[in-house]
C-alpha cells in the first residue's frame, strides 16, 4: 500500500517579498531525513508537478516554491531577473532555516526556469544544498548565448498574445491537449495544471494564474553569467534531460558535464518529461538523491 502524501495533506506557506506582496507555496509536515526544495518551470507552478513529486514523500519532506507571478504567489512589480528570482528562493529558505522549519540536509530540485535558479543557488551558496537535481534546465550553449544576445525571442512575442480565457475546465483540457507542449503530458499532470495554474476570472471562466506578460518577460530575458555559475558548482549535481527536448540541450549538457561534480543522464521524453512519465522521473530523482548522499565528490560518475 502506498504511503505517498496527498496534496491536501500539505500546508501552505507565505513570505513577504514586497509591500503587500507574498511568495507562496506548500510544504509537507512531519519528520523526514531531508527536505527537497522545488522550483517550477516558466508559466507553471509547484502543484502542477504533484503527480511526480508525490512519489518523493515516502522518503523526503517537500517544499514547493511558486515564483513571482506564478501559481499562488503575487505578481508584485513583476519579473525583474533570474538572479532576483533565485534570491527570493534563498530568502525563503534562510527564513525557514532560521526558524528550524526545514529538516535535515536540504536537496535542490528544479525544472526548466526553476532548474537554472537552483543551479544559480548552488553556485552562489555552496553550503545551501547537500545535492542538486535539475530537470531539463534552460542552459543554452555559451556560443549560442553570445550569438543571440541582441536577438528578439519569438517565443516571448507569441506568449504575450496567447489565449487566456476558457469557459470550463473541460474546454481548457481539450485546448491544451491539442498544443504541442502539452500533448504528451499524463492526464493527471494536465488536470493538475488546469486545477492549479489556472483560476476563475471575472467573466465566470478560467484564466492563467501566471499573466502572459510575466511568462513572456522571462522568455525575453537571460540569466547572467550562467556558465560561470555552472563551472563554479562544487556540490553533487545531476542534470536530467529529455531525449526529445530542445535541440541545444544535448550539447549544453555535455558542456555542463565537464564540471566533475555534475552528472548527466538522458531520459525518454520532451522538455517536460517529468509531466509525461511521472513515475519514471520520480524513480530517477530518487535514485540520484540516494547516489549523491554518499558520493565522493572528487570522482566523476557517468550514467550510460
Foldseek 3Di string as FASTA:
>chain_A
DDPFDDPVQWAKDWDDDDVVWIKIWTKHDDDAQFEEEEEEAQLFFQQLLCLQVSVCVVHHIYTTTGFALFFPGHNVVFDDALQVRLVVVVVVLVVCVVVVNGHHFYEYEYAASRLLSSLLCCLVPVRRHLEYEYELYPQFDPVVCVVCVPPFDVVLVVLLPDDFWDQELVRVLVVQCPDPVCVQFDPSSSSSRSVTQWDADPVNTIGGSRNSNNSSVHSRDDHPPSVVSLLRRQHQYEYEYEPAEDPRSVVRLVVSVVRQNYEYDYDHDYSVVCRRPSHVVSVVVVVVVVVRVPDDSVGHDYDD
